[in-house]
Amino acid sequence: MSIAPLVRVTPDGSRTDQDLVAVEAPLTIEVLHQSNPPEPGPHLLPLGVFMRTPGDDEALGMGLLYAEGVVRRAADVRSMELTMDSDGVSGTLRATLAPDVVVDTAALARSGASSTACGLCGRLSFGVRPATAVANIGNQFDELIPDFTNLIFQLPDRLRDAQAVFAKTGGLHAAGFFDRAGRLVDIAEDVGRHNAVDKLVGRALIAGGPLPPARDRILVVSGRAAYEIIQKAAMAGVGTLVAVGAPTSLAVQAAREAGITLIGFAKDKSYNIYG
């Protein structure tokens, strides 16, 4: 968080003041990998510049690499080196991959920076790439949980109650993993909703456990559900995704193809199931 000077204006007049604001700063992510012949040796692949809230940068990098299909487990990353700039908030994260990890550099190509609003910004190509694990799991929580409806009613409030930084700044999105009993397993906050999901998945990978890392989790996000959120959920093995906001048309299509139960507008004791 950062302190910003401001002028508060009300019907009674104005006064100078200050407020806490969420930090948004660029993180350059690079991948050092081994190339196959005829160009042997380590090669540095810039993934791009990502606008994020500083903190959990290694988890963000791990989650992004997993969502992009570069790694399938934490052991695929030999090391992560975070170098911060002089401002203390910008930096560069270099992930060194294990020698046996093959990287499709063309599929990862980006141009420019990724904004906090879109995890696909700068991508030169994209496609709906649901993880086969999702289809194999068939995680239909409405069949596994006796009181599924009431559980979904409660999850957005439980996520909001756990948003510590949002409570102070009002400027962060959140993503949370819940178990089948509706207990919060983990939460991540970031100015970018897709970053929050990457941090959440990255932490689960780093901590170890079953793969895919979210096969027994409900994913709840504080904003809308766009395509990139569905893609990341699918790669992580999520069976049910709950969004406080609206889904996009491509998100509905991607969720259907990935076998994800997509719930939107989950607030005020109502929600929509898209299929």
Protein backbone atom coordinates (compact mmCIF):
# COMPACT_ATOMS: atom_id res chain seq x y z
CA MET A 1 0.00 0.00 0.00
CA SER A 2 1.04 3.59 -0.59
CA ILE A 3 -0.04 6.93 0.87
CA ALA A 4 -1.46 9.43 -1.62
CA PRO A 5 -2.22 13.09 -0.88
CA LEU A 6 -5.69 14.21 -1.94
CA VAL A 7 -8.37 16.84 -1.66
CA ARG A 8 -11.65 15.60 -0.22
CA VAL A 9 -14.67 17.40 -1.68
CA THR A 10 -18.08 17.24 0.01
CA PRO A 11 -21.20 19.40 -0.10
CA ASP A 12 -19.75 21.17 2.95
CA GLY A 13 -16.53 22.14 1.18
CA SER A 14 -13.08 20.69 0.59
CA ARG A 15 -9.99 19.87 2.65
CA THR A 16 -6.58 18.35 2.09
CA ASP A 17 -6.08 14.82 3.34
CA GLN A 18 -4.29 11.59 2.50
CA ASP A 19 -5.40 8.04 1.82
CA LEU A 20 -4.04 4.54 1.38
CA VAL A 21 -4.00 3.34 -2.23
CA ALA A 22 -3.18 -0.02 -3.76
CA VAL A 23 0.24 -0.22 -5.40
CA GLU A 24 0.41 -0.95 -9.11
CA ALA A 25 3.89 -1.49 -10.55
CA PRO A 26 5.49 -3.35 -13.48
CA LEU A 27 7.13 -6.74 -13.18
CA THR A 28 9.20 -8.05 -16.08
CA ILE A 29 9.08 -11.85 -16.27
CA GLU A 30 11.80 -13.78 -18.09
CA VAL A 31 12.30 -17.49 -18.67
CA LEU A 32 15.76 -19.02 -18.98
CA HIS A 33 15.47 -22.36 -20.74
CA GLN A 34 17.45 -24.91 -22.70
CA SER A 35 16.86 -24.97 -26.44
CA ASN A 36 16.90 -28.08 -28.57
CA PRO A 37 19.40 -28.49 -31.42
CA PRO A 38 20.39 -26.87 -33.70
CA GLU A 39 20.65 -24.07 -31.12
CA PRO A 40 21.88 -25.75 -27.94
CA GLY A 41 22.47 -23.87 -24.72
CA PRO A 42 20.42 -21.65 -22.41
CA HIS A 43 18.20 -19.01 -23.99
CA LEU A 44 16.41 -16.11 -22.36
CA LEU A 45 12.76 -15.65 -23.30
CA PRO A 46 11.06 -12.43 -22.18
CA LEU A 47 7.43 -13.18 -21.30
CA GLY A 48 6.55 -9.51 -21.03
CA VAL A 49 5.91 -6.72 -18.56
CA PHE A 50 3.03 -7.36 -16.18
CA MET A 51 1.29 -4.73 -14.08
CA ARG A 52 0.70 -6.17 -10.62
CA THR A 53 0.60 -5.48 -6.91
CA PRO A 54 4.08 -6.21 -5.46
CA GLY A 55 4.29 -9.24 -3.22
CA ASP A 56 4.10 -12.97 -3.94
CA ASP A 57 5.95 -12.28 -7.20
CA GLU A 58 7.45 -15.78 -7.27
CA ALA A 59 3.97 -17.27 -6.88
CA LEU A 60 2.71 -14.98 -9.63
CA GLY A 61 5.48 -16.20 -11.93
CA MET A 62 4.87 -19.85 -11.08
CA GLY A 63 1.12 -19.52 -11.60
CA LEU A 64 1.59 -17.72 -14.90
CA LEU A 65 3.99 -20.37 -16.20
CA TYR A 66 1.52 -23.07 -15.18
CA ALA A 67 -1.43 -21.30 -16.78
CA GLU A 68 0.55 -20.87 -20.00
CA GLY A 69 1.39 -24.58 -20.06
CA VAL A 70 5.14 -24.00 -19.69
CA VAL A 71 5.44 -26.04 -16.48
CA ARG A 72 3.31 -28.84 -15.09
CA ARG A 73 4.76 -28.98 -11.57
CA ALA A 74 6.91 -26.83 -9.32
CA ALA A 75 9.95 -29.04 -9.98
CA ASP A 76 9.94 -27.84 -13.60
CA VAL A 77 11.28 -24.52 -12.30
CA ARG A 78 14.86 -24.90 -11.07
CA SER A 79 15.04 -21.43 -9.54
CA MET A 80 13.41 -18.01 -9.46
CA GLU A 81 15.44 -14.85 -9.05
CA LEU A 82 13.64 -11.61 -8.19
CA THR A 83 15.57 -8.38 -8.72
CA MET A 84 13.87 -5.23 -7.47
CA ASP A 85 14.47 -1.81 -9.01
CA SER A 86 15.57 1.20 -7.00
CA ASP A 87 11.95 2.29 -6.48
CA GLY A 88 11.33 -0.83 -4.41
CA VAL A 89 8.16 -1.84 -6.27
CA SER A 90 9.19 -2.51 -9.89
CA GLY A 91 11.39 -5.45 -10.72
CA THR A 92 12.38 -8.41 -12.86
CA LEU A 93 11.60 -12.05 -12.15
CA ARG A 94 13.76 -14.62 -13.93
CA ALA A 95 12.58 -18.23 -13.87
CA THR A 96 15.20 -20.83 -14.75
CA LEU A 97 13.59 -24.01 -16.03
CA ALA A 98 14.80 -27.56 -15.58
CA PRO A 99 16.84 -28.84 -18.56
CA ASP A 100 14.15 -31.29 -19.70
CA VAL A 101 11.39 -28.65 -19.98
CA VAL A 102 10.63 -27.88 -23.63
CA VAL A 103 9.36 -24.36 -24.29
CA ASP A 104 7.13 -23.43 -27.24
CA THR A 105 8.49 -19.91 -27.72
CA ALA A 106 6.08 -19.09 -30.55
CA ALA A 107 3.02 -19.88 -28.41
CA LEU A 108 4.28 -17.61 -25.63
CA ALA A 109 5.08 -14.63 -27.85
CA ARG A 110 3.85 -11.27 -26.58
CA SER A 111 4.27 -7.67 -27.61
CA GLY A 112 4.09 -4.78 -25.16
CA ALA A 113 2.82 -4.93 -21.61
CA SER A 114 -0.02 -6.81 -19.95
CA SER A 115 -2.39 -4.47 -18.14
CA THR A 116 -4.10 -5.18 -14.83
CA ALA A 117 -7.37 -5.58 -16.72
CA CYS A 118 -6.31 -8.26 -19.19
CA GLY A 119 -4.01 -11.22 -18.72
CA LEU A 120 -3.95 -11.77 -22.48
CA CYS A 121 -2.81 -8.26 -23.44
CA GLY A 122 0.16 -8.44 -25.76
CA ARG A 123 -0.44 -12.06 -26.70
CA LEU A 124 0.06 -12.62 -30.42
CA SER A 125 -2.31 -15.59 -30.42
CA PHE A 126 -4.65 -17.43 -28.08
CA GLY A 127 -7.07 -20.30 -28.00
CA VAL A 128 -9.32 -22.16 -25.61
CA ARG A 129 -6.93 -24.68 -24.06
CA PRO A 130 -8.81 -26.55 -21.34
CA ALA A 131 -6.67 -28.93 -19.32
CA THR A 132 -7.59 -32.56 -19.93
CA ALA A 133 -7.52 -33.01 -16.16
CA VAL A 134 -10.69 -30.96 -15.81
CA ALA A 135 -12.70 -33.12 -18.17
CA ASN A 136 -11.39 -36.27 -16.48
CA ILE A 137 -12.25 -35.07 -12.97
CA GLY A 138 -15.82 -33.98 -13.71
CA ASN A 139 -15.88 -31.85 -10.57
CA GLN A 140 -19.61 -31.10 -10.29
CA PHE A 141 -19.96 -29.70 -6.78
CA ASP A 142 -23.72 -29.45 -6.98
CA GLU A 143 -23.77 -33.26 -6.96
CA LEU A 144 -21.20 -33.56 -4.16
CA ILE A 145 -22.47 -30.97 -1.73
CA PRO A 146 -25.89 -31.50 -0.10
CA ASP A 147 -26.70 -27.80 0.25
CA PHE A 148 -24.86 -26.41 -2.78
CA THR A 149 -27.15 -23.39 -3.23
CA ASN A 150 -26.74 -22.02 0.28
CA LEU A 151 -22.99 -22.61 0.11
CA ILE A 152 -22.65 -20.49 -3.04
CA PHE A 153 -24.71 -17.75 -1.40
CA GLN A 154 -22.11 -17.51 1.38
CA LEU A 155 -18.85 -17.65 -0.59
CA PRO A 156 -18.69 -14.04 -1.93
CA ASP A 157 -19.14 -12.62 1.59
CA ARG A 158 -16.52 -14.98 2.97
CA LEU A 159 -14.10 -13.86 0.27
CA ARG A 160 -14.83 -10.20 0.96
CA ASP A 161 -14.33 -10.66 4.71
CA ALA A 162 -10.85 -12.07 4.02
CA GLN A 163 -9.74 -9.20 1.76
CA ALA A 164 -7.50 -7.41 4.24
CA VAL A 165 -5.85 -5.00 1.80
CA PHE A 166 -9.08 -4.24 -0.03
CA ALA A 167 -10.62 -3.22 3.28
CA LYS A 168 -7.95 -0.52 3.61
CA THR A 169 -7.68 0.64 -0.02
CA GLY A 170 -10.80 -0.46 -1.91
CA GLY A 171 -8.53 -1.01 -4.90
CA LEU A 172 -7.74 -4.71 -5.15
CA HIS A 173 -9.33 -7.77 -6.69
CA ALA A 174 -9.26 -11.11 -4.93
CA ALA A 175 -9.29 -14.78 -5.79
CA GLY A 176 -9.91 -17.47 -3.21
CA PHE A 177 -9.85 -21.25 -3.04
CA PHE A 178 -12.60 -22.84 -0.95
CA ASP A 179 -13.08 -26.47 -0.04
CA ARG A 180 -16.31 -28.41 -0.36
CA ALA A 181 -17.39 -27.33 3.11
CA GLY A 182 -17.04 -23.68 2.14
CA ARG A 183 -13.88 -23.12 4.20
CA LEU A 184 -11.39 -20.63 2.83
CA VAL A 185 -8.18 -22.48 1.93
CA ASP A 186 -6.21 -19.53 0.55
CA ILE A 187 -6.74 -16.03 -0.82
CA ALA A 188 -4.67 -13.71 -3.02
CA GLU A 189 -5.21 -10.00 -3.69
CA ASP A 190 -3.90 -7.95 -6.61
CA VAL A 191 -4.83 -4.98 -8.78
CA GLY A 192 -5.30 -7.51 -11.58
CA ARG A 193 -7.92 -10.22 -11.14
CA HIS A 194 -5.92 -12.59 -13.35
CA ASN A 195 -2.80 -11.89 -11.27
CA ALA A 196 -4.69 -12.86 -8.13
CA VAL A 197 -5.59 -16.22 -9.71
CA ASP A 198 -1.98 -16.78 -10.82
CA LYS A 199 -0.70 -16.03 -7.31
CA LEU A 200 -3.24 -18.41 -5.82
CA VAL A 201 -2.35 -21.25 -8.19
CA GLY A 202 1.38 -20.52 -7.91
CA ARG A 203 1.29 -20.77 -4.13
CA ALA A 204 -0.55 -24.09 -4.35
CA LEU A 205 2.10 -25.43 -6.73
CA ILE A 206 4.99 -24.25 -4.58
CA ALA A 207 3.38 -25.79 -1.48
CA GLY A 208 3.10 -29.15 -3.22
CA GLY A 209 0.11 -31.43 -3.09
CA PRO A 210 -2.04 -33.15 -5.72
CA LEU A 211 -2.01 -32.16 -9.38
CA PRO A 212 -3.76 -30.35 -10.86
CA PRO A 213 -3.42 -27.96 -7.89
CA ALA A 214 -7.10 -27.01 -7.63
CA ARG A 215 -8.88 -30.27 -8.37
CA ASP A 216 -10.84 -30.23 -5.10
CA ARG A 217 -11.37 -26.48 -4.87
CA ILE A 218 -14.06 -23.96 -5.69
CA LEU A 219 -12.52 -20.80 -7.15
CA VAL A 220 -14.20 -17.51 -6.20
CA VAL A 221 -13.19 -14.23 -7.86
CA SER A 222 -14.25 -10.76 -6.79
CA GLY A 223 -14.88 -9.29 -10.24
CA ARG A 224 -16.15 -10.42 -13.59
CA ALA A 225 -15.24 -13.72 -15.23
CA ALA A 226 -13.50 -13.11 -18.53
CA TYR A 227 -11.85 -15.65 -20.80
CA GLU A 228 -8.41 -15.52 -19.17
CA ILE A 229 -9.88 -16.41 -15.77
CA ILE A 230 -11.58 -19.48 -17.24
CA GLN A 231 -8.37 -20.50 -18.97
CA LYS A 232 -6.36 -20.29 -15.77
CA ALA A 233 -9.08 -22.13 -13.85
CA ALA A 234 -9.17 -24.89 -16.45
CA MET A 235 -5.42 -25.36 -16.38
CA ALA A 236 -5.53 -25.56 -12.57
CA GLY A 237 -8.25 -28.21 -12.58
CA VAL A 238 -11.03 -26.06 -11.13
CA GLY A 239 -14.46 -27.66 -11.47
CA THR A 240 -16.59 -24.76 -10.20
CA LEU A 241 -15.87 -21.05 -10.61
CA VAL A 242 -17.90 -18.39 -8.82
CA ALA A 243 -17.68 -14.75 -9.92
CA VAL A 244 -19.25 -11.79 -8.16
CA GLY A 245 -19.56 -10.02 -11.50
CA ALA A 246 -20.66 -10.96 -14.98
CA PRO A 247 -19.11 -13.48 -17.35
CA THR A 248 -18.21 -12.63 -20.93
CA SER A 249 -19.45 -14.58 -23.94
CA LEU A 250 -16.03 -16.13 -24.51
CA ALA A 251 -15.83 -17.07 -20.84
CA VAL A 252 -19.15 -18.93 -21.09
CA GLN A 253 -17.93 -20.74 -24.20
CA ALA A 254 -14.56 -21.62 -22.63
CA ALA A 255 -16.19 -22.87 -19.42
CA ARG A 256 -18.54 -25.08 -21.40
CA GLU A 257 -15.68 -26.58 -23.40
CA ALA A 258 -13.57 -27.12 -20.27
CA GLY A 259 -16.38 -28.71 -18.27
CA ILE A 260 -16.36 -25.97 -15.64
CA THR A 261 -19.53 -25.01 -13.77
CA LEU A 262 -19.54 -21.21 -14.24
CA ILE A 263 -21.51 -19.10 -11.78
CA GLY A 264 -21.86 -15.35 -12.21
CA PHE A 265 -23.53 -12.41 -10.43
CA ALA A 266 -23.11 -14.25 -7.14
CA LYS A 267 -24.34 -11.60 -4.73
CA ASP A 268 -27.44 -10.51 -2.83
CA LYS A 269 -28.49 -14.12 -2.28
CA SER A 270 -28.80 -14.97 -5.96
CA TYR A 271 -26.59 -16.22 -8.76
CA ASN A 272 -26.70 -17.40 -12.37
CA ILE A 273 -25.36 -20.74 -13.64
CA TYR A 274 -24.13 -20.51 -17.23
CA GLY A 275 -24.01 -23.54 -19.45
